[in-house]
C-alpha atoms as a PDB file:
ATOM      1  CA  MET A   1     179.915  60.330 104.540  1.00  0.00           C
ATOM      2  CA  PHE A   2     179.457  57.106 106.439  1.00  0.00           C
ATOM      3  CA  PRO A   3     182.200  55.372 108.471  1.00  0.00           C
ATOM      4  CA  ALA A   4     183.124  51.788 107.268  1.00  0.00           C
ATOM      5  CA  LYS A   5     180.328  49.289 107.571  1.00  0.00           C
ATOM      6  CA  ASP A   6     182.171  47.220 110.298  1.00  0.00           C
ATOM      7  CA  ALA A   7     182.188  50.309 112.327  1.00  0.00           C
ATOM      8  CA  LEU A   8     178.437  50.793 112.176  1.00  0.00           C
ATOM      9  CA  LYS A   9     175.518  49.347 113.795  1.00  0.00           C
ATOM     10  CA  ALA A  10     173.724  46.954 111.733  1.00  0.00           C
ATOM     11  CA  ARG A  11     170.798  49.213 111.158  1.00  0.00           C
ATOM     12  CA  HIS A  12     173.186  51.370 108.986  1.00  0.00           C
ATOM     13  CA  GLU A  13     174.658  48.499 106.958  1.00  0.00           C
ATOM     14  CA  ASP A  14     172.589  49.474 103.878  1.00  0.00           C
ATOM     15  CA  ALA A  15     173.329  53.114 103.742  1.00  0.00           C
ATOM     16  CA  PRO A  16     174.472  54.385 100.295  1.00  0.00           C
ATOM     17  CA  SER A  17     178.212  54.388  99.939  1.00  0.00           C
ATOM     18  CA  SER A  18     177.987  57.901  98.333  1.00  0.00           C
ATOM     19  CA  VAL A  19     178.631  61.026 100.024  1.00  0.00           C
ATOM     20  CA  GLN A  20     176.208  62.815  97.831  1.00  0.00           C
ATOM     21  CA  ILE A  21     174.234  65.099  99.891  1.00  0.00           C
ATOM     22  CA  SER A  22     173.877  67.955  97.238  1.00  0.00           C
ATOM     23  CA  PRO A  23     171.464  67.586  94.424  1.00  0.00           C
ATOM     24  CA  SER A  24     173.737  69.102  92.122  1.00  0.00           C
ATOM     25  CA  THR A  25     176.289  66.268  92.101  1.00  0.00           C
ATOM     26  CA  LEU A  26     177.752  63.940  89.451  1.00  0.00           C
ATOM     27  CA  PRO A  27     175.774  60.697  90.516  1.00  0.00           C
ATOM     28  CA  ASP A  28     178.504  58.364  89.247  1.00  0.00           C
ATOM     29  CA  ASN A  29     181.348  60.040  91.250  1.00  0.00           C
ATOM     30  CA  PRO A  30     180.560  59.152  95.025  1.00  0.00           C
ATOM     31  CA  THR A  31     183.252  61.687  96.234  1.00  0.00           C
ATOM     32  CA  ASN A  32     182.201  64.576  94.288  1.00  0.00           C
ATOM     33  CA  MET A  33     179.526  67.082  95.723  1.00  0.00           C
ATOM     34  CA  SER A  34     180.419  69.834  93.358  1.00  0.00           C
ATOM     35  CA  SER A  35     178.099  71.665  90.949  1.00  0.00           C
ATOM     36  CA  ILE A  36     177.891  70.171  87.522  1.00  0.00           C
ATOM     37  CA  GLY A  37     177.986  73.513  86.180  1.00  0.00           C
ATOM     38  CA  SER A  38     181.094  74.886  87.932  1.00  0.00           C
ATOM     39  CA  GLN A  39     183.022  71.759  89.145  1.00  0.00           C
ATOM     40  CA  PHE A  40     184.574  73.549  91.942  1.00  0.00           C
ATOM     41  CA  GLN A  41     186.575  71.659  94.335  1.00  0.00           C
ATOM     42  CA  LEU A  42     184.842  70.683  97.478  1.00  0.00           C
ATOM     43  CA  LYS A  43     186.011  72.300 100.640  1.00  0.00           C
ATOM     44  CA  PRO A  44     184.959  70.662 103.858  1.00  0.00           C
ATOM     45  CA  THR A  45     185.495  72.540 107.107  1.00  0.00           C
ATOM     46  CA  VAL A  46     185.204  69.098 109.413  1.00  0.00           C
ATOM     47  CA  LYS A  47     187.639  66.602 108.240  1.00  0.00           C
ATOM     48  CA  PRO A  48     188.608  63.061 109.659  1.00  0.00           C
ATOM     49  CA  LYS A  49     191.021  63.112 112.418  1.00  0.00           C
ATOM     50  CA  VAL A  50     194.165  60.920 111.329  1.00  0.00           C
ATOM     51  CA  PRO A  51     195.093  58.709 112.760  1.00  0.00           C
ATOM     52  CA  PHE A  52     192.115  57.449 114.425  1.00  0.00           C
ATOM     53  CA  GLY A  53     192.543  54.104 115.902  1.00  0.00           C
ATOM     54  CA  GLN A  54     191.852  52.480 119.342  1.00  0.00           C
ATOM     55  CA  ALA A  55     194.057  54.795 121.321  1.00  0.00           C
ATOM     56  CA  GLU A  56     192.539  58.058 119.821  1.00  0.00           C
ATOM     57  CA  LEU A  57     189.074  56.506 120.593  1.00  0.00           C
ATOM     58  CA  ASP A  58     189.861  55.757 124.095  1.00  0.00           C
ATOM     59  CA  ALA A  59     191.540  59.114 124.498  1.00  0.00           C
ATOM     60  CA  ASP A  60     188.537  60.977 123.028  1.00  0.00           C
ATOM     61  CA  ALA A  61     185.992  58.986 125.328  1.00  0.00           C
ATOM     62  CA  ASN A  62     187.970  59.577 128.420  1.00  0.00           C
ATOM     63  CA  ALA A  63     188.380  63.339 127.814  1.00  0.00           C
ATOM     64  CA  LEU A  64     184.615  63.599 127.242  1.00  0.00           C
ATOM     65  CA  HIS A  65     184.049  61.634 130.396  1.00  0.00           C
ATOM     66  CA  GLU A  66     186.366  64.006 132.424  1.00  0.00           C
ATOM     67  CA  ALA A  67     184.728  67.049 130.775  1.00  0.00           C
ATOM     68  CA  MET A  68     181.364  66.013 132.333  1.00  0.00           C
ATOM     69  CA  LYS A  69     182.596  64.481 135.706  1.00  0.00           C
ATOM     70  CA  GLY A  70     181.793  66.219 138.855  1.00  0.00           C
ATOM     71  CA  LEU A  71     180.273  69.604 139.296  1.00  0.00           C
ATOM     72  CA  GLY A  72     180.431  71.990 136.229  1.00  0.00           C
ATOM     73  CA  THR A  73     181.109  70.859 132.807  1.00  0.00           C
ATOM     74  CA  ASN A  74     184.232  71.715 130.554  1.00  0.00           C
ATOM     75  CA  GLU A  75     182.499  72.830 127.594  1.00  0.00           C
ATOM     76  CA  GLU A  76     185.677  73.757 125.975  1.00  0.00           C
ATOM     77  CA  ALA A  77     186.874  70.246 125.841  1.00  0.00           C
ATOM     78  CA  ILE A  78     183.484  69.026 124.467  1.00  0.00           C
ATOM     79  CA  ILE A  79     183.652  71.560 121.440  1.00  0.00           C
ATOM     80  CA  THR A  80     187.422  70.885 120.819  1.00  0.00           C
ATOM     81  CA  ILE A  81     186.474  67.030 120.399  1.00  0.00           C
ATOM     82  CA  LEU A  82     183.190  67.016 118.620  1.00  0.00           C
ATOM     83  CA  ALA A  83     183.673  69.784 116.223  1.00  0.00           C
ATOM     84  CA  ASN A  84     186.924  68.208 115.024  1.00  0.00           C
ATOM     85  CA  ARG A  85     185.666  64.784 114.477  1.00  0.00           C
ATOM     86  CA  THR A  86     183.559  63.595 111.499  1.00  0.00           C
ATOM     87  CA  ASN A  87     180.084  62.197 112.040  1.00  0.00           C
ATOM     88  CA  GLY A  88     181.234  58.671 111.599  1.00  0.00           C
ATOM     89  CA  GLN A  89     184.218  59.349 114.027  1.00  0.00           C
ATOM     90  CA  ARG A  90     181.560  60.921 116.671  1.00  0.00           C
ATOM     91  CA  LEU A  91     179.353  57.704 116.345  1.00  0.00           C
ATOM     92  CA  LEU A  92     182.394  55.424 117.239  1.00  0.00           C
ATOM     93  CA  ILE A  93     183.390  57.578 120.275  1.00  0.00           C
ATOM     94  CA  ALA A  94     179.833  57.208 121.573  1.00  0.00           C
ATOM     95  CA  ASP A  95     180.069  53.406 121.234  1.00  0.00           C
ATOM     96  CA  ARG A  96     183.562  53.497 123.047  1.00  0.00           C
ATOM     97  CA  PHE A  97     182.185  55.810 125.632  1.00  0.00           C
ATOM     98  CA  GLU A  98     179.319  53.407 126.433  1.00  0.00           C
ATOM     99  CA  SER A  99     181.891  50.317 126.484  1.00  0.00           C
ATOM    100  CA  LEU A 100     184.164  52.182 129.009  1.00  0.00           C
ATOM    101  CA  PHE A 101     181.779  53.708 131.251  1.00  0.00           C
ATOM    102  CA  GLY A 102     178.383  51.928 130.999  1.00  0.00           C
ATOM    103  CA  LYS A 103     176.494  54.990 130.095  1.00  0.00           C
ATOM    104  CA  LYS A 104     175.416  56.602 126.655  1.00  0.00           C
ATOM    105  CA  LEU A 105     177.284  59.540 125.677  1.00  0.00           C
ATOM    106  CA  VAL A 106     174.117  61.305 124.351  1.00  0.00           C
ATOM    107  CA  VAL A 107     172.263  60.912 127.508  1.00  0.00           C
ATOM    108  CA  GLU A 108     175.304  62.253 129.557  1.00  0.00           C
ATOM    109  CA  LEU A 109     175.615  65.410 127.137  1.00  0.00           C
ATOM    110  CA  LYS A 110     171.688  66.040 127.467  1.00  0.00           C
ATOM    111  CA  LYS A 111     172.138  66.010 131.337  1.00  0.00           C
ATOM    112  CA  GLU A 112     175.263  68.428 131.156  1.00  0.00           C
ATOM    113  CA  LEU A 113     174.144  70.814 128.381  1.00  0.00           C
ATOM    114  CA  GLY A 114     171.190  73.202 127.518  1.00  0.00           C
ATOM    115  CA  GLY A 115     169.686  75.433 124.974  1.00  0.00           C
ATOM    116  CA  SER A 116     170.668  75.746 121.365  1.00  0.00           C
ATOM    117  CA  PHE A 117     174.463  74.594 122.579  1.00  0.00           C
ATOM    118  CA  GLU A 118     172.817  71.306 123.408  1.00  0.00           C
ATOM    119  CA  ASP A 119     170.791  71.326 120.221  1.00  0.00           C
ATOM    120  CA  VAL A 120     173.797  71.561 117.917  1.00  0.00           C
ATOM    121  CA  ILE A 121     175.934  69.105 119.917  1.00  0.00           C
ATOM    122  CA  LEU A 122     173.210  66.478 119.878  1.00  0.00           C
ATOM    123  CA  GLY A 123     172.906  67.216 116.246  1.00  0.00           C
ATOM    124  CA  CYS A 124     176.456  66.242 115.641  1.00  0.00           C
ATOM    125  CA  MET A 125     175.924  63.076 117.425  1.00  0.00           C
ATOM    126  CA  MET A 126     173.181  61.730 115.178  1.00  0.00           C
ATOM    127  CA  SER A 127     173.973  59.853 111.995  1.00  0.00           C
ATOM    128  CA  LEU A 128     172.778  62.117 109.230  1.00  0.00           C
ATOM    129  CA  ASP A 129     169.939  60.009 107.984  1.00  0.00           C
ATOM    130  CA  ARG A 130     168.592  59.845 111.665  1.00  0.00           C
ATOM    131  CA  TYR A 131     169.123  63.519 111.889  1.00  0.00           C
ATOM    132  CA  PHE A 132     167.242  64.188 108.837  1.00  0.00           C
ATOM    133  CA  ALA A 133     164.451  62.108 109.771  1.00  0.00           C
ATOM    134  CA  GLN A 134     164.226  63.617 113.069  1.00  0.00           C
ATOM    135  CA  GLU A 135     164.096  66.980 111.753  1.00  0.00           C
ATOM    136  CA  LEU A 136     161.247  65.852 109.340  1.00  0.00           C
ATOM    137  CA  HIS A 137     159.214  64.248 112.103  1.00  0.00           C
ATOM    138  CA  ASP A 138     159.757  67.345 114.425  1.00  0.00           C
ATOM    139  CA  ALA A 139     158.494  69.679 111.662  1.00  0.00           C
ATOM    140  CA  MET A 140     155.114  67.882 111.330  1.00  0.00           C
ATOM    141  CA  ASP A 141     154.653  66.971 114.972  1.00  0.00           C
ATOM    142  CA  GLY A 142     152.162  68.642 117.031  1.00  0.00           C
ATOM    143  CA  LEU A 143     150.109  71.698 116.005  1.00  0.00           C
ATOM    144  CA  GLY A 144     151.323  73.411 112.884  1.00  0.00           C
ATOM    145  CA  THR A 145     153.793  72.387 110.387  1.00  0.00           C
ATOM    146  CA  ARG A 146     157.524  73.809 109.866  1.00  0.00           C
ATOM    147  CA  GLU A 147     157.375  73.735 106.093  1.00  0.00           C
ATOM    148  CA  ASP A 148     160.784  75.385 105.733  1.00  0.00           C
ATOM    149  CA  ALA A 149     162.454  72.200 107.240  1.00  0.00           C
ATOM    150  CA  LEU A 150     160.357  69.789 104.972  1.00  0.00           C
ATOM    151  CA  ILE A 151     161.364  72.174 101.873  1.00  0.00           C
ATOM    152  CA  GLU A 152     164.987  72.369 102.875  1.00  0.00           C
ATOM    153  CA  ILE A 153     165.643  68.679 103.339  1.00  0.00           C
ATOM    154  CA  LEU A 154     163.298  66.979 100.748  1.00  0.00           C
ATOM    155  CA  CYS A 155     163.948  69.515  97.908  1.00  0.00           C
ATOM    156  CA  THR A 156     167.672  69.378  98.075  1.00  0.00           C
ATOM    157  CA  LEU A 157     168.652  65.665  98.393  1.00  0.00           C
ATOM    158  CA  ASN A 158     169.255  63.061  95.818  1.00  0.00           C
ATOM    159  CA  ASN A 159     167.625  59.752  95.178  1.00  0.00           C
ATOM    160  CA  ASP A 160     169.748  57.639  97.371  1.00  0.00           C
ATOM    161  CA  TRP A 161     169.407  60.062 100.281  1.00  0.00           C
ATOM    162  CA  LEU A 162     165.689  60.234 100.095  1.00  0.00           C
ATOM    163  CA  LYS A 163     165.364  56.307  99.943  1.00  0.00           C
ATOM    164  CA  LEU A 164     167.511  56.119 102.926  1.00  0.00           C
ATOM    165  CA  ILE A 165     165.696  58.820 104.888  1.00  0.00           C
ATOM    166  CA  LYS A 166     162.301  57.109 103.902  1.00  0.00           C
ATOM    167  CA  ARG A 167     163.678  53.784 105.507  1.00  0.00           C
ATOM    168  CA  THR A 168     165.124  55.426 108.498  1.00  0.00           C
ATOM    169  CA  TYR A 169     161.928  57.385 109.264  1.00  0.00           C
ATOM    170  CA  LYS A 170     159.902  54.200 109.204  1.00  0.00           C
ATOM    171  CA  ASP A 171     162.453  52.646 111.423  1.00  0.00           C
ATOM    172  CA  MET A 172     162.423  55.530 113.709  1.00  0.00           C
ATOM    173  CA  PHE A 173     158.771  56.431 113.987  1.00  0.00           C
ATOM    174  CA  GLY A 174     156.824  53.210 112.896  1.00  0.00           C
ATOM    175  CA  ARG A 175     155.174  54.825 110.018  1.00  0.00           C
ATOM    176  CA  ASP A 176     155.793  55.866 106.458  1.00  0.00           C
ATOM    177  CA  LEU A 177     157.060  59.439 105.886  1.00  0.00           C
ATOM    178  CA  GLU A 178     154.500  59.737 103.059  1.00  0.00           C
ATOM    179  CA  PHE A 179     151.788  59.030 105.433  1.00  0.00           C
ATOM    180  CA  ASP A 180     152.832  62.117 107.630  1.00  0.00           C
ATOM    181  CA  ILE A 181     153.372  64.321 104.564  1.00  0.00           C
ATOM    182  CA  LYS A 182     149.807  63.580 103.267  1.00  0.00           C
ATOM    183  CA  ARG A 183     148.490  64.328 106.813  1.00  0.00           C
ATOM    184  CA  ASP A 184     150.363  67.669 107.291  1.00  0.00           C
ATOM    185  CA  THR A 185     150.448  69.139 103.672  1.00  0.00           C
ATOM    186  CA  GLU A 186     147.847  69.769 101.006  1.00  0.00           C
ATOM    187  CA  LEU A 187     147.333  70.442  97.529  1.00  0.00           C
ATOM    188  CA  TYR A 188     150.145  71.001  95.091  1.00  0.00           C
ATOM    189  CA  PHE A 189     152.742  71.352  97.913  1.00  0.00           C
ATOM    190  CA  GLU A 190     151.764  67.698  98.925  1.00  0.00           C
ATOM    191  CA  LYS A 191     151.783  66.547  95.416  1.00  0.00           C
ATOM    192  CA  LEU A 192     155.400  67.944  94.898  1.00  0.00           C
ATOM    193  CA  LEU A 193     156.827  66.379  98.215  1.00  0.00           C
ATOM    194  CA  LEU A 194     155.200  63.065  97.410  1.00  0.00           C
ATOM    195  CA  ALA A 195     156.547  63.282  93.885  1.00  0.00           C
ATOM    196  CA  LEU A 196     160.075  63.772  95.235  1.00  0.00           C
ATOM    197  CA  LEU A 197     159.516  60.869  97.658  1.00  0.00           C
ATOM    198  CA  ASP A 198     158.573  58.757  94.599  1.00  0.00           C
ATOM    199  CA  VAL A 199     162.433  58.867  93.974  1.00  0.00           C
ATOM    200  CA  GLU A 200     161.989  58.490  90.204  1.00  0.00           C
ATOM    201  CA  ARG A 201     164.534  61.289  89.197  1.00  0.00           C
ATOM    202  CA  ASP A 202     166.793  60.396  86.312  1.00  0.00           C
ATOM    203  CA  GLU A 203     170.398  60.441  87.514  1.00  0.00           C
ATOM    204  CA  SER A 204     172.142  60.771  84.204  1.00  0.00           C
ATOM    205  CA  VAL A 205     174.885  63.085  83.673  1.00  0.00           C
ATOM    206  CA  VAL A 206     174.379  63.211  79.825  1.00  0.00           C
ATOM    207  CA  VAL A 207     172.112  66.088  78.744  1.00  0.00           C
ATOM    208  CA  ASP A 208     169.758  65.420  75.717  1.00  0.00           C
ATOM    209  CA  ILE A 209     169.531  68.928  74.283  1.00  0.00           C
ATOM    210  CA  GLU A 210     166.447  67.990  72.265  1.00  0.00           C
ATOM    211  CA  LYS A 211     164.734  66.897  75.478  1.00  0.00           C
ATOM    212  CA  VAL A 212     165.761  70.020  77.105  1.00  0.00           C
ATOM    213  CA  VAL A 213     164.256  72.156  74.321  1.00  0.00           C
ATOM    214  CA  THR A 214     160.938  70.069  74.520  1.00  0.00           C
ATOM    215  CA  ASP A 215     160.692  70.740  78.123  1.00  0.00           C
ATOM    216  CA  VAL A 216     161.352  74.364  77.784  1.00  0.00           C
ATOM    217  CA  GLU A 217     158.523  74.674  75.395  1.00  0.00           C
ATOM    218  CA  ALA A 218     156.196  72.571  77.612  1.00  0.00           C
ATOM    219  CA  LEU A 219     156.925  74.665  80.771  1.00  0.00           C
ATOM    220  CA  TYR A 220     156.435  77.892  78.717  1.00  0.00           C
ATOM    221  CA  ALA A 221     153.061  76.422  77.426  1.00  0.00           C
ATOM    222  CA  ALA A 222     152.186  75.362  81.050  1.00  0.00           C
ATOM    223  CA  GLY A 223     152.821  78.910  82.625  1.00  0.00           C
ATOM    224  CA  GLU A 224     154.058  82.073  81.108  1.00  0.00           C
ATOM    225  CA  ALA A 225     152.163  81.392  77.557  1.00  0.00           C
ATOM    226  CA  VAL A 226     148.604  80.904  79.191  1.00  0.00           C
ATOM    227  CA  VAL A 227     146.403  82.336  81.901  1.00  0.00           C
ATOM    228  CA  GLY A 228     146.415  80.163  84.757  1.00  0.00           C
ATOM    229  CA  THR A 229     149.048  77.411  85.435  1.00  0.00           C
ATOM    230  CA  ASN A 230     149.344  73.643  84.642  1.00  0.00           C
ATOM    231  CA  GLU A 231     151.114  72.907  87.920  1.00  0.00           C
ATOM    232  CA  GLU A 232     151.384  69.046  87.094  1.00  0.00           C
ATOM    233  CA  ILE A 233     153.890  69.762  84.159  1.00  0.00           C
ATOM    234  CA  PHE A 234     156.082  71.897  86.458  1.00  0.00           C
ATOM    235  CA  ILE A 235     156.097  69.402  89.093  1.00  0.00           C
ATOM    236  CA  GLU A 236     156.547  66.386  86.721  1.00  0.00           C
ATOM    237  CA  ILE A 237     159.597  67.953  85.020  1.00  0.00           C
ATOM    238  CA  LEU A 238     161.272  69.428  88.319  1.00  0.00           C
ATOM    239  CA  THR A 239     161.025  66.177  90.176  1.00  0.00           C
ATOM    240  CA  LYS A 240     161.817  63.595  87.330  1.00  0.00           C
ATOM    241  CA  ARG A 241     164.482  65.242  85.212  1.00  0.00           C
ATOM    242  CA  SER A 242     168.280  64.947  86.120  1.00  0.00           C
ATOM    243  CA  PHE A 243     170.059  67.647  87.775  1.00  0.00           C
ATOM    244  CA  ALA A 244     172.423  68.120  85.000  1.00  0.00           C
ATOM    245  CA  HIS A 245     169.360  68.413  82.593  1.00  0.00           C
ATOM    246  CA  LEU A 246     167.512  70.886  84.836  1.00  0.00           C
ATOM    247  CA  GLN A 247     170.652  73.233  84.946  1.00  0.00           C
ATOM    248  CA  VAL A 248     170.736  73.239  81.281  1.00  0.00           C
ATOM    249  CA  LEU A 249     166.984  73.708  81.066  1.00  0.00           C
ATOM    250  CA  PHE A 250     167.121  76.821  83.458  1.00  0.00           C
ATOM    251  CA  ARG A 251     169.815  78.527  81.216  1.00  0.00           C
ATOM    252  CA  GLU A 252     167.957  77.823  78.060  1.00  0.00           C
ATOM    253  CA  TYR A 253     164.621  78.957  79.393  1.00  0.00           C
ATOM    254  CA  LYS A 254     166.337  82.330  80.255  1.00  0.00           C
ATOM    255  CA  ASN A 255     168.123  82.627  77.002  1.00  0.00           C
ATOM    256  CA  LYS A 256     164.796  82.151  74.863  1.00  0.00           C
ATOM    257  CA  TYR A 257     162.223  83.778  77.159  1.00  0.00           C
ATOM    258  CA  GLY A 258     164.299  86.205  78.876  1.00  0.00           C
ATOM    259  CA  THR A 259     162.947  85.399  82.418  1.00  0.00           C
ATOM    260  CA  PRO A 260     165.103  83.541  85.096  1.00  0.00           C
ATOM    261  CA  PHE A 261     163.334  80.471  85.867  1.00  0.00           C
ATOM    262  CA  TYR A 262     162.886  81.225  89.755  1.00  0.00           C
ATOM    263  CA  LYS A 263     160.973  84.381  88.454  1.00  0.00           C
ATOM    264  CA  VAL A 264     158.654  82.155  86.284  1.00  0.00           C
ATOM    265  CA  ILE A 265     157.968  80.129  89.598  1.00  0.00           C
ATOM    266  CA  GLU A 266     157.343  83.149  91.545  1.00  0.00           C
ATOM    267  CA  LYS A 267     154.826  84.427  89.064  1.00  0.00           C
ATOM    268  CA  GLU A 268     153.065  81.001  88.602  1.00  0.00           C
ATOM    269  CA  PHE A 269     152.894  79.676  92.058  1.00  0.00           C
ATOM    270  CA  LYS A 270     152.131  80.810  95.757  1.00  0.00           C
ATOM    271  CA  GLY A 271     152.768  79.913  99.168  1.00  0.00           C
ATOM    272  CA  ASP A 272     154.735  76.633 100.144  1.00  0.00           C
ATOM    273  CA  THR A 273     154.777  75.268  96.698  1.00  0.00           C
ATOM    274  CA  GLU A 274     156.275  78.356  95.242  1.00  0.00           C
ATOM    275  CA  LYS A 275     158.992  78.266  98.132  1.00  0.00           C
ATOM    276  CA  ALA A 276     159.753  74.670  97.444  1.00  0.00           C
ATOM    277  CA  LEU A 277     160.128  75.146  93.492  1.00  0.00           C
ATOM    278  CA  VAL A 278     162.222  78.191  94.083  1.00  0.00           C
ATOM    279  CA  THR A 279     164.252  76.146  96.521  1.00  0.00           C
ATOM    280  CA  MET A 280     164.806  73.401  94.072  1.00  0.00           C
ATOM    281  CA  VAL A 281     165.702  75.837  91.173  1.00  0.00           C
ATOM    282  CA  ARG A 282     168.283  77.820  93.281  1.00  0.00           C
ATOM    283  CA  CYS A 283     169.965  74.688  94.800  1.00  0.00           C
ATOM    284  CA  TYR A 284     170.187  73.023  91.483  1.00  0.00           C
ATOM    285  CA  GLU A 285     171.633  76.051  89.797  1.00  0.00           C
ATOM    286  CA  ASP A 286     174.226  76.779  92.545  1.00  0.00           C
ATOM    287  CA  THR A 287     174.024  74.697  95.771  1.00  0.00           C
ATOM    288  CA  SER A 288     176.778  76.793  97.549  1.00  0.00           C
ATOM    289  CA  ASP A 289     174.923  80.033  96.897  1.00  0.00           C
ATOM    290  CA  TYR A 290     171.714  78.559  97.924  1.00  0.00           C
ATOM    291  CA  PHE A 291     172.981  77.287 101.457  1.00  0.00           C
ATOM    292  CA  ALA A 292     174.722  80.757 101.822  1.00  0.00           C
ATOM    293  CA  TRP A 293     171.364  82.305 101.183  1.00  0.00           C
ATOM    294  CA  GLN A 294     169.790  79.809 103.773  1.00  0.00           C
ATOM    295  CA  LEU A 295     172.211  80.859 106.435  1.00  0.00           C
ATOM    296  CA  HIS A 296     171.730  84.608 105.761  1.00  0.00           C
ATOM    297  CA  LYS A 297     168.037  83.970 106.068  1.00  0.00           C
ATOM    298  CA  ALA A 298     168.288  82.254 109.296  1.00  0.00           C
ATOM    299  CA  MET A 299     170.291  85.157 110.831  1.00  0.00           C
ATOM    300  CA  GLU A 300     168.739  88.380 109.149  1.00  0.00           C
ATOM    301  CA  GLY A 301     166.387  90.474 110.845  1.00  0.00           C
ATOM    302  CA  VAL A 302     165.185  90.315 114.602  1.00  0.00           C
ATOM    303  CA  GLY A 303     166.031  87.058 116.211  1.00  0.00           C
ATOM    304  CA  THR A 304     167.511  84.034 114.852  1.00  0.00           C
ATOM    305  CA  ASN A 305     166.151  80.700 113.491  1.00  0.00           C
ATOM    306  CA  ASN A 306     168.696  78.668 115.357  1.00  0.00           C
ATOM    307  CA  ARG A 307     167.028  75.395 114.276  1.00  0.00           C
ATOM    308  CA  ALA A 308     167.779  76.259 110.348  1.00  0.00           C
ATOM    309  CA  LEU A 309     171.203  77.605 111.412  1.00  0.00           C
ATOM    310  CA  ILE A 310     172.226  74.363 113.076  1.00  0.00           C
ATOM    311  CA  ARG A 311     170.821  72.116 110.343  1.00  0.00           C
ATOM    312  CA  THR A 312     172.848  73.817 107.689  1.00  0.00           C
ATOM    313  CA  VAL A 313     175.897  73.956 109.616  1.00  0.00           C
ATOM    314  CA  VAL A 314     175.712  70.144 110.851  1.00  0.00           C
ATOM    315  CA  THR A 315     174.634  68.623 107.630  1.00  0.00           C
ATOM    316  CA  ARG A 316     177.194  70.626 105.264  1.00  0.00           C
ATOM    317  CA  SER A 317     180.230  71.051 107.520  1.00  0.00           C
ATOM    318  CA  GLU A 318     181.885  67.676 106.222  1.00  0.00           C
ATOM    319  CA  PHE A 319     181.362  68.219 102.604  1.00  0.00           C
ATOM    320  CA  ASP A 320     181.197  71.892 101.176  1.00  0.00           C
ATOM    321  CA  MET A 321     181.011  74.413 104.070  1.00  0.00           C
ATOM    322  CA  GLY A 322     184.144  75.950 102.807  1.00  0.00           C
ATOM    323  CA  ASN A 323     182.401  76.676  99.403  1.00  0.00           C
ATOM    324  CA  ILE A 324     179.298  77.979 101.307  1.00  0.00           C
ATOM    325  CA  LYS A 325     181.596  80.373 103.379  1.00  0.00           C
ATOM    326  CA  GLU A 326     183.181  81.445 100.130  1.00  0.00           C
ATOM    327  CA  ALA A 327     179.656  82.120  98.524  1.00  0.00           C
ATOM    328  CA  TYR A 328     178.372  83.884 101.561  1.00  0.00           C
ATOM    329  CA  ALA A 329     181.348  86.329 101.728  1.00  0.00           C
ATOM    330  CA  LYS A 330     180.967  87.080  97.927  1.00  0.00           C
ATOM    331  CA  LYS A 331     177.067  87.358  98.241  1.00  0.00           C
ATOM    332  CA  TYR A 332     176.847  89.357 101.454  1.00  0.00           C
ATOM    333  CA  GLU A 333     180.114  91.163 101.785  1.00  0.00           C
ATOM    334  CA  LYS A 334     180.863  89.835 105.202  1.00  0.00           C
ATOM    335  CA  PRO A 335     182.453  86.824 106.523  1.00  0.00           C
ATOM    336  CA  LEU A 336     180.139  84.033 107.592  1.00  0.00           C
ATOM    337  CA  ILE A 337     182.100  83.634 110.951  1.00  0.00           C
ATOM    338  CA  LYS A 338     181.542  87.450 111.477  1.00  0.00           C
ATOM    339  CA  ALA A 339     177.836  87.006 110.824  1.00  0.00           C
ATOM    340  CA  ILE A 340     177.563  84.324 113.471  1.00  0.00           C
ATOM    341  CA  GLU A 341     179.720  86.085 115.862  1.00  0.00           C
ATOM    342  CA  ASP A 342     177.205  89.143 115.418  1.00  0.00           C
ATOM    343  CA  ASP A 343     174.100  86.997 115.819  1.00  0.00           C
ATOM    344  CA  CYS A 344     174.791  84.151 118.309  1.00  0.00           C
ATOM    345  CA  SER A 345     176.450  83.805 121.664  1.00  0.00           C
ATOM    346  CA  GLY A 346     178.117  81.659 124.197  1.00  0.00           C
ATOM    347  CA  ASP A 347     179.036  78.079 123.678  1.00  0.00           C
ATOM    348  CA  PHE A 348     176.469  77.795 120.897  1.00  0.00           C
ATOM    349  CA  LYS A 349     178.402  80.373 118.959  1.00  0.00           C
ATOM    350  CA  ARG A 350     181.815  78.824 119.712  1.00  0.00           C
ATOM    351  CA  MET A 351     180.540  75.347 118.523  1.00  0.00           C
ATOM    352  CA  LEU A 352     179.240  76.828 115.248  1.00  0.00           C
ATOM    353  CA  ILE A 353     182.255  78.629 114.564  1.00  0.00           C
ATOM    354  CA  ALA A 354     184.407  75.657 115.367  1.00  0.00           C
ATOM    355  CA  LEU A 355     182.468  73.574 112.848  1.00  0.00           C
ATOM    356  CA  ILE A 356     182.726  76.141 110.072  1.00  0.00           C
ATOM    357  CA  ASP A 357     186.184  77.605 110.706  1.00  0.00           C
END
């Protein structure tokens, strides 16, 4: 996930060594982002360039400089380099570019590019903690709130990532993430997000079946068994129990009461709280299927949610985009690349395809 500490700026030196970005990962295995339930092999679509020493850094920095020198821009060269380097390698290229030319690479890219193509390129040029923090900030900045971004980020990350994002958010914007959440959300949606940001989730991979049974009964008693809903019980269990525990819980609940757990959520909750809890259930059950669904949702109907599309592609490409592509093709009977070709255009389309191909 992150490059070696000596290659990072000092502010990133306390980043977690884990590459866990998916909630349904084995917390004691930092290289494994697979679902606990399926244990599939991770299939990233962006892999480190090897070798990648000083000569390669110089070559990439010079090639990017040439691509933006003079009139016009060589977008193909920019795509070829940045879509085929990891996030850590891109940050090193940016440092080398500034050393060689006295200019910040991101500033030069902003000058040369535009639209959604610029957005995906700039997303690739941020460390992921800063990218997530920026997305959260933008979702709450100004009039209105983009709850979809809050949900996708905060409801799908593990403790280490949430802790890092909180620190980075404070560093970037000078205030606590929790402060902005309280300002921009309300009721049980606010309670749920703040509970996640308490980062008190158990990270054990050992499942206590007796505790699962107790939780199943507690959730049934708090929801389907009564008129009304005890929302606090749902929030407590879904934000504090381990991902392994919850996967077993969802299965056991359906086995006993015959209802898929996300259907229980849809019946008992409304609005953004419902969307957030359904996201948690779907993502914890099958991460690849969840992100395939997110990509499809971003492209279905009239228009495209480019921001959501970019966010998923940028953040998953180094980890499990290959698995997401397989899930997408199975779920929607259409290759993900074909869906992007049909829905996007120009250099934006070419960059997305380069990141997922």
